């Protein structure tokens, strides 16, 4: 899953939820369930997520939403499998390559009809 967030030091919970296409309540719930997510909070209690938090959320999203893990299963996988981050990076690269190949195929198909 490719998320579109600008390069910043901190992201609001709204930005994060929009990038993952989930409700803010789900982000708050995952924060409670997974100790690796530790957003900074200001005096008002607003959460600000770091790029490291975003990477961790991306791993959780991949396991829970894309692979169908339960929360307990995802928690176990995150603690026992150190290669999840690498796997997600590879999947992102492959999705990018696939998109580029599909664009190329479309452009070749348009040229054939001329």
Protein backbone atom coordinates (compact mmCIF):
# COMPACT_ATOMS: atom_id res chain seq x y z
CA UNK A 1 0.00 0.00 0.00
CA UNK A 2 1.44 3.31 -1.07
CA UNK A 3 0.55 6.19 1.21
CA UNK A 4 0.73 9.77 0.06
CA UNK A 5 2.07 12.00 2.79
CA UNK A 6 4.38 15.00 2.36
CA UNK A 7 7.80 14.90 3.99
CA UNK A 8 7.26 16.40 7.43
CA UNK A 9 8.50 15.84 10.96
CA UNK A 10 5.00 15.33 12.36
CA UNK A 11 1.60 14.37 10.97
CA UNK A 12 -1.78 14.97 12.58
CA UNK A 13 -4.09 12.05 13.22
CA UNK A 14 -6.41 13.38 10.51
CA UNK A 15 -3.64 13.34 7.92
CA UNK A 16 -2.64 9.82 8.92
CA UNK A 17 -6.21 8.51 8.84
CA UNK A 18 -6.80 10.06 5.43
CA UNK A 19 -3.55 8.59 4.05
CA UNK A 20 -4.55 5.09 5.19
CA UNK A 21 -8.22 5.64 4.29
CA UNK A 22 -9.42 4.67 7.77
CA UNK A 23 -11.22 6.45 10.61
CA UNK A 24 -9.23 8.36 13.22
CA UNK A 25 -10.78 6.08 15.85
CA UNK A 26 -9.02 3.09 14.26
CA UNK A 27 -5.67 4.88 14.47
CA UNK A 28 -6.32 5.65 18.16
CA UNK A 29 -7.35 2.02 18.75
CA UNK A 30 -4.19 0.69 17.10
CA UNK A 31 -2.18 3.10 19.24
CA UNK A 32 -3.64 1.41 22.34
CA UNK A 33 -3.15 -2.11 20.99
CA UNK A 34 0.39 -1.80 19.61
CA UNK A 35 3.12 -0.39 21.85
CA UNK A 36 5.34 0.42 18.84
CA UNK A 37 3.05 3.35 17.97
CA UNK A 38 4.00 6.27 20.19
CA UNK A 39 2.75 9.58 18.81
CA UNK A 40 3.80 12.80 20.49
CA UNK A 41 0.98 14.62 22.28
CA UNK A 42 0.71 18.31 22.97
CA UNK A 43 -0.88 19.85 26.07
CA UNK A 44 -4.33 19.60 24.50
CA UNK A 45 -3.80 15.89 23.85
CA UNK A 46 -3.55 16.16 20.07
CA UNK A 47 -1.52 13.35 18.57
CA UNK A 48 1.38 14.01 16.21
CA UNK A 49 2.86 11.03 14.42
CA UNK A 50 6.49 10.79 13.32
CA UNK A 51 7.65 9.14 10.09
CA UNK A 52 8.69 6.16 12.25
CA UNK A 53 5.11 5.89 13.55
CA UNK A 54 3.88 6.00 9.95
CA UNK A 55 6.15 3.07 9.03
CA UNK A 56 4.86 1.10 12.00
CA UNK A 57 1.26 1.91 11.11
CA UNK A 58 1.97 0.79 7.56
CA UNK A 59 3.21 -2.58 8.86
CA UNK A 60 0.13 -2.96 11.05
CA UNK A 61 -2.16 -1.97 8.17
CA UNK A 62 -0.47 -4.50 5.89
CA UNK A 63 -0.85 -7.32 8.39
CA UNK A 64 -4.39 -6.56 9.55
CA UNK A 65 -6.12 -5.13 6.49
CA UNK A 66 -4.24 -6.73 3.60
CA UNK A 67 -3.15 -10.07 5.05
CA UNK A 68 -6.16 -10.58 7.33
CA UNK A 69 -4.27 -11.08 10.59
CA UNK A 70 -6.07 -10.68 13.89
CA UNK A 71 -4.71 -7.98 16.18
CA UNK A 72 -3.10 -10.65 18.37
CA UNK A 73 -1.61 -12.31 15.30
CA UNK A 74 -0.27 -9.01 14.03
CA UNK A 75 1.23 -8.23 17.43
CA UNK A 76 2.99 -11.60 17.48
CA UNK A 77 4.17 -11.21 13.88
CA UNK A 78 5.63 -7.77 14.62
CA UNK A 79 7.61 -9.08 17.59
CA UNK A 80 8.81 -12.32 15.97
CA UNK A 81 9.29 -11.42 12.29
CA UNK A 82 11.94 -8.77 11.77
CA UNK A 83 11.57 -8.85 7.97
CA UNK A 84 8.03 -7.41 7.77
CA UNK A 85 9.39 -3.93 7.06
CA UNK A 86 11.54 -5.29 4.22
CA UNK A 87 8.56 -7.23 2.83
CA UNK A 88 6.40 -4.11 2.77
CA UNK A 89 9.16 -2.15 1.03
CA UNK A 90 9.47 -4.86 -1.62
CA UNK A 91 5.69 -4.96 -2.12
CA UNK A 92 5.63 -1.17 -2.59
CA UNK A 93 8.40 -1.40 -5.18
CA UNK A 94 6.65 -4.21 -7.02
CA UNK A 95 3.36 -2.27 -7.07
CA UNK A 96 5.22 0.72 -8.52
CA UNK A 97 6.83 -1.45 -11.21
CA UNK A 98 3.45 -3.01 -12.02
CA UNK A 99 1.86 0.43 -12.41
CA UNK A 100 4.68 1.55 -14.70
CA UNK A 101 4.36 -1.60 -16.80
CA UNK A 102 0.60 -1.10 -17.10
CA UNK A 103 1.18 2.49 -18.26
CA UNK A 104 3.67 1.21 -20.83
CA UNK A 105 1.24 -1.47 -21.99
CA UNK A 106 -1.50 1.16 -22.39
CA UNK A 107 0.74 3.45 -24.40
CA UNK A 108 1.81 0.56 -26.64
CA UNK A 109 -1.83 -0.43 -27.12
CA UNK A 110 -2.70 3.13 -28.18
CA UNK A 111 0.15 3.17 -30.69
CA UNK A 112 -1.01 -0.13 -32.25
CA UNK A 113 -4.44 1.29 -33.06
CA UNK A 114 -3.03 4.27 -34.99
